[in-house]
PDB file of N, CA and C in Angstrom:
ATOM      1  N   MET A   1     146.822 104.730  98.990  1.00  0.00           N
ATOM      2  CA  MET A   1     147.650 104.517  97.823  1.00  0.00           C
ATOM      3  C   MET A   1     147.095 105.284  96.616  1.00  0.00           C
ATOM      4  N   LYS A   2     145.772 105.299  96.458  1.00  0.00           N
ATOM      5  CA  LYS A   2     145.173 106.014  95.346  1.00  0.00           C
ATOM      6  C   LYS A   2     145.483 107.507  95.439  1.00  0.00           C
ATOM      7  N   TYR A   3     145.464 108.056  96.635  1.00  0.00           N
ATOM      8  CA  TYR A   3     145.763 109.469  96.831  1.00  0.00           C
ATOM      9  C   TYR A   3     147.177 109.782  96.349  1.00  0.00           C
ATOM     10  N   LEU A   4     148.127 108.927  96.676  1.00  0.00           N
ATOM     11  CA  LEU A   4     149.504 109.152  96.249  1.00  0.00           C
ATOM     12  C   LEU A   4     149.632 109.089  94.737  1.00  0.00           C
ATOM     13  N   GLU A   5     148.906 108.186  94.108  1.00  0.00           N
ATOM     14  CA  GLU A   5     148.949 108.094  92.660  1.00  0.00           C
ATOM     15  C   GLU A   5     148.371 109.352  92.025  1.00  0.00           C
ATOM     16  N   GLU A   6     147.299 109.883  92.589  1.00  0.00           N
ATOM     17  CA  GLU A   6     146.710 111.104  92.046  1.00  0.00           C
ATOM     18  C   GLU A   6     147.677 112.275  92.183  1.00  0.00           C
ATOM     19  N   CYS A   7     148.366 112.355  93.309  1.00  0.00           N
ATOM     20  CA  CYS A   7     149.350 113.426  93.502  1.00  0.00           C
ATOM     21  C   CYS A   7     150.493 113.281  92.511  1.00  0.00           C
ATOM     22  N   ALA A   8     150.940 112.054  92.300  1.00  0.00           N
ATOM     23  CA  ALA A   8     152.031 111.827  91.363  1.00  0.00           C
ATOM     24  C   ALA A   8     151.606 112.211  89.953  1.00  0.00           C
ATOM     25  N   MET A   9     150.373 111.909  89.588  1.00  0.00           N
ATOM     26  CA  MET A   9     149.891 112.265  88.266  1.00  0.00           C
ATOM     27  C   MET A   9     149.843 113.778  88.101  1.00  0.00           C
ATOM     28  N   LYS A  10     149.425 114.487  89.129  1.00  0.00           N
ATOM     29  CA  LYS A  10     149.366 115.938  89.047  1.00  0.00           C
ATOM     30  C   LYS A  10     150.769 116.524  88.921  1.00  0.00           C
ATOM     31  N   ASN A  11     151.736 115.955  89.617  1.00  0.00           N
ATOM     32  CA  ASN A  11     153.105 116.448  89.535  1.00  0.00           C
ATOM     33  C   ASN A  11     153.706 116.180  88.169  1.00  0.00           C
ATOM     34  N   ASP A  12     153.326 115.078  87.523  1.00  0.00           N
ATOM     35  CA  ASP A  12     153.846 114.765  86.200  1.00  0.00           C
ATOM     36  C   ASP A  12     153.333 115.741  85.145  1.00  0.00           C
ATOM     37  N   GLU A  13     152.241 116.411  85.405  1.00  0.00           N
ATOM     38  CA  GLU A  13     151.664 117.325  84.442  1.00  0.00           C
ATOM     39  C   GLU A  13     152.395 118.652  84.378  1.00  0.00           C
ATOM     40  N   ARG A  14     153.279 118.907  85.291  1.00  0.00           N
ATOM     41  CA  ARG A  14     154.003 120.176  85.309  1.00  0.00           C
ATOM     42  C   ARG A  14     155.174 120.094  84.344  1.00  0.00           C
ATOM     43  N   VAL A  15     155.063 120.839  83.256  1.00  0.00           N
ATOM     44  CA  VAL A  15     156.087 120.832  82.226  1.00  0.00           C
ATOM     45  C   VAL A  15     156.500 122.274  81.974  1.00  0.00           C
ATOM     46  N   LEU A  16     157.781 122.514  81.975  1.00  0.00           N
ATOM     47  CA  LEU A  16     158.299 123.839  81.655  1.00  0.00           C
ATOM     48  C   LEU A  16     158.783 123.811  80.212  1.00  0.00           C
ATOM     49  N   ARG A  17     158.103 124.554  79.373  1.00  0.00           N
ATOM     50  CA  ARG A  17     158.490 124.620  77.967  1.00  0.00           C
ATOM     51  C   ARG A  17     159.398 125.823  77.788  1.00  0.00           C
ATOM     52  N   ILE A  18     160.532 125.600  77.134  1.00  0.00           N
ATOM     53  CA  ILE A  18     161.472 126.683  76.897  1.00  0.00           C
ATOM     54  C   ILE A  18     161.641 126.882  75.402  1.00  0.00           C
ATOM     55  N   GLY A  19     161.972 128.093  75.026  1.00  0.00           N
ATOM     56  CA  GLY A  19     162.244 128.417  73.638  1.00  0.00           C
ATOM     57  C   GLY A  19     163.668 128.931  73.507  1.00  0.00           C
ATOM     58  N   ILE A  20     164.301 128.604  72.401  1.00  0.00           N
ATOM     59  CA  ILE A  20     165.662 129.064  72.129  1.00  0.00           C
ATOM     60  C   ILE A  20     165.648 129.749  70.773  1.00  0.00           C
ATOM     61  N   ALA A  21     166.033 131.009  70.760  1.00  0.00           N
ATOM     62  CA  ALA A  21     166.032 131.788  69.522  1.00  0.00           C
ATOM     63  C   ALA A  21     167.024 132.933  69.682  1.00  0.00           C
ATOM     64  N   SER A  22     167.313 133.580  68.577  1.00  0.00           N
ATOM     65  CA  SER A  22     168.204 134.747  68.652  1.00  0.00           C
ATOM     66  C   SER A  22     167.458 135.891  69.334  1.00  0.00           C
ATOM     67  N   ARG A  23     168.206 136.865  69.791  1.00  0.00           N
ATOM     68  CA  ARG A  23     167.609 138.023  70.467  1.00  0.00           C
ATOM     69  C   ARG A  23     166.622 138.727  69.551  1.00  0.00           C
ATOM     70  N   GLU A  24     166.980 138.839  68.288  1.00  0.00           N
ATOM     71  CA  GLU A  24     166.116 139.512  67.323  1.00  0.00           C
ATOM     72  C   GLU A  24     164.815 138.737  67.105  1.00  0.00           C
ATOM     73  N   GLU A  25     164.900 137.411  67.044  1.00  0.00           N
ATOM     74  CA  GLU A  25     163.696 136.592  66.854  1.00  0.00           C
ATOM     75  C   GLU A  25     162.770 136.670  68.067  1.00  0.00           C
ATOM     76  N   ILE A  26     163.364 136.664  69.254  1.00  0.00           N
ATOM     77  CA  ILE A  26     162.559 136.780  70.475  1.00  0.00           C
ATOM     78  C   ILE A  26     161.862 138.134  70.514  1.00  0.00           C
ATOM     79  N   GLN A  27     162.599 139.180  70.171  1.00  0.00           N
ATOM     80  CA  GLN A  27     162.027 140.522  70.171  1.00  0.00           C
ATOM     81  C   GLN A  27     160.923 140.639  69.129  1.00  0.00           C
ATOM     82  N   ALA A  28     161.140 140.102  67.942  1.00  0.00           N
ATOM     83  CA  ALA A  28     160.131 140.170  66.883  1.00  0.00           C
ATOM     84  C   ALA A  28     158.873 139.406  67.294  1.00  0.00           C
ATOM     85  N   ARG A  29     159.035 138.247  67.906  1.00  0.00           N
ATOM     86  CA  ARG A  29     157.885 137.455  68.350  1.00  0.00           C
ATOM     87  C   ARG A  29     157.116 138.182  69.452  1.00  0.00           C
ATOM     88  N   THR A  30     157.853 138.756  70.398  1.00  0.00           N
ATOM     89  CA  THR A  30     157.212 139.482  71.491  1.00  0.00           C
ATOM     90  C   THR A  30     156.388 140.653  70.958  1.00  0.00           C
ATOM     91  N   LEU A  31     156.949 141.405  70.027  1.00  0.00           N
ATOM     92  CA  LEU A  31     156.216 142.532  69.452  1.00  0.00           C
ATOM     93  C   LEU A  31     155.000 142.060  68.649  1.00  0.00           C
ATOM     94  N   ALA A  32     155.117 140.942  67.957  1.00  0.00           N
ATOM     95  CA  ALA A  32     153.993 140.393  67.201  1.00  0.00           C
ATOM     96  C   ALA A  32     152.866 139.972  68.146  1.00  0.00           C
ATOM     97  N   VAL A  33     153.218 139.424  69.290  1.00  0.00           N
ATOM     98  CA  VAL A  33     152.211 139.040  70.286  1.00  0.00           C
ATOM     99  C   VAL A  33     151.511 140.292  70.812  1.00  0.00           C
ATOM    100  N   VAL A  34     152.275 141.325  71.095  1.00  0.00           N
ATOM    101  CA  VAL A  34     151.697 142.561  71.625  1.00  0.00           C
ATOM    102  C   VAL A  34     150.766 143.207  70.596  1.00  0.00           C
ATOM    103  N   ARG A  35     151.151 143.159  69.317  1.00  0.00           N
ATOM    104  CA  ARG A  35     150.314 143.729  68.256  1.00  0.00           C
ATOM    105  C   ARG A  35     149.091 142.864  67.956  1.00  0.00           C
ATOM    106  N   GLY A  36     149.065 141.642  68.472  1.00  0.00           N
ATOM    107  CA  GLY A  36     147.933 140.750  68.241  1.00  0.00           C
ATOM    108  C   GLY A  36     148.058 139.908  66.992  1.00  0.00           C
ATOM    109  N   GLU A  37     149.221 139.917  66.365  1.00  0.00           N
ATOM    110  CA  GLU A  37     149.439 139.133  65.151  1.00  0.00           C
ATOM    111  C   GLU A  37     149.598 137.649  65.461  1.00  0.00           C
ATOM    112  N   ILE A  38     150.080 137.339  66.654  1.00  0.00           N
ATOM    113  CA  ILE A  38     150.279 135.960  67.099  1.00  0.00           C
ATOM    114  C   ILE A  38     149.499 135.767  68.384  1.00  0.00           C
ATOM    115  N   LYS A  39     148.746 134.676  68.455  1.00  0.00           N
ATOM    116  CA  LYS A  39     148.029 134.316  69.680  1.00  0.00           C
ATOM    117  C   LYS A  39     148.884 133.323  70.466  1.00  0.00           C
ATOM    118  N   VAL A  40     149.108 133.594  71.721  1.00  0.00           N
ATOM    119  CA  VAL A  40     149.883 132.701  72.577  1.00  0.00           C
ATOM    120  C   VAL A  40     148.980 131.559  73.026  1.00  0.00           C
ATOM    121  N   THR A  41     149.456 130.336  72.861  1.00  0.00           N
ATOM    122  CA  THR A  41     148.695 129.159  73.279  1.00  0.00           C
ATOM    123  C   THR A  41     149.347 128.537  74.508  1.00  0.00           C
ATOM    124  N   ALA A  42     148.685 127.580  75.097  1.00  0.00           N
ATOM    125  CA  ALA A  42     149.218 126.903  76.284  1.00  0.00           C
ATOM    126  C   ALA A  42     150.458 126.085  75.948  1.00  0.00           C
ATOM    127  N   ASP A  43     150.626 125.716  74.681  1.00  0.00           N
ATOM    128  CA  ASP A  43     151.780 124.907  74.284  1.00  0.00           C
ATOM    129  C   ASP A  43     153.007 125.742  73.963  1.00  0.00           C
ATOM    130  N   ASP A  44     152.861 127.055  73.914  1.00  0.00           N
ATOM    131  CA  ASP A  44     154.002 127.916  73.607  1.00  0.00           C
ATOM    132  C   ASP A  44     154.973 127.952  74.781  1.00  0.00           C
ATOM    133  N   PRO A  45     156.262 128.150  74.494  1.00  0.00           N
ATOM    134  CA  PRO A  45     157.242 128.262  75.576  1.00  0.00           C
ATOM    135  C   PRO A  45     156.929 129.438  76.492  1.00  0.00           C
ATOM    136  N   LYS A  46     157.170 129.254  77.780  1.00  0.00           N
ATOM    137  CA  LYS A  46     156.970 130.320  78.757  1.00  0.00           C
ATOM    138  C   LYS A  46     158.287 131.050  79.060  1.00  0.00           C
ATOM    139  N   VAL A  47     159.384 130.368  78.822  1.00  0.00           N
ATOM    140  CA  VAL A  47     160.710 130.911  79.094  1.00  0.00           C
ATOM    141  C   VAL A  47     161.511 130.864  77.793  1.00  0.00           C
ATOM    142  N   TRP A  48     162.192 131.950  77.483  1.00  0.00           N
ATOM    143  CA  TRP A  48     162.987 132.024  76.257  1.00  0.00           C
ATOM    144  C   TRP A  48     164.450 132.292  76.616  1.00  0.00           C
ATOM    145  N   PHE A  49     165.360 131.653  75.890  1.00  0.00           N
ATOM    146  CA  PHE A  49     166.796 131.852  76.044  1.00  0.00           C
ATOM    147  C   PHE A  49     167.371 132.266  74.701  1.00  0.00           C
ATOM    148  N   ASN A  50     168.414 133.108  74.767  1.00  0.00           N
ATOM    149  CA  ASN A  50     169.112 133.520  73.550  1.00  0.00           C
ATOM    150  C   ASN A  50     169.979 132.384  73.041  1.00  0.00           C
ATOM    151  N   SER A  51     169.986 132.218  71.710  1.00  0.00           N
ATOM    152  CA  SER A  51     170.916 131.272  71.104  1.00  0.00           C
ATOM    153  C   SER A  51     172.220 132.004  70.826  1.00  0.00           C
ATOM    154  N   VAL A  52     173.244 131.264  70.654  1.00  0.00           N
ATOM    155  CA  VAL A  52     174.552 131.869  70.441  1.00  0.00           C
ATOM    156  C   VAL A  52     174.840 132.003  68.976  1.00  0.00           C
TER     157      VAL A  52
END
């Protein structure tokens, strides 16, 4: 039973963070990251979608 609880806890830790921004904002952020102006952290979204 303890093994199953540990597995469940590990599965709960998987979180997909998404970001929603305009195409221009996503592009500006990406270029800022490449230039080193912004440091990407573990809490930052990994997937970005365009807003309408």
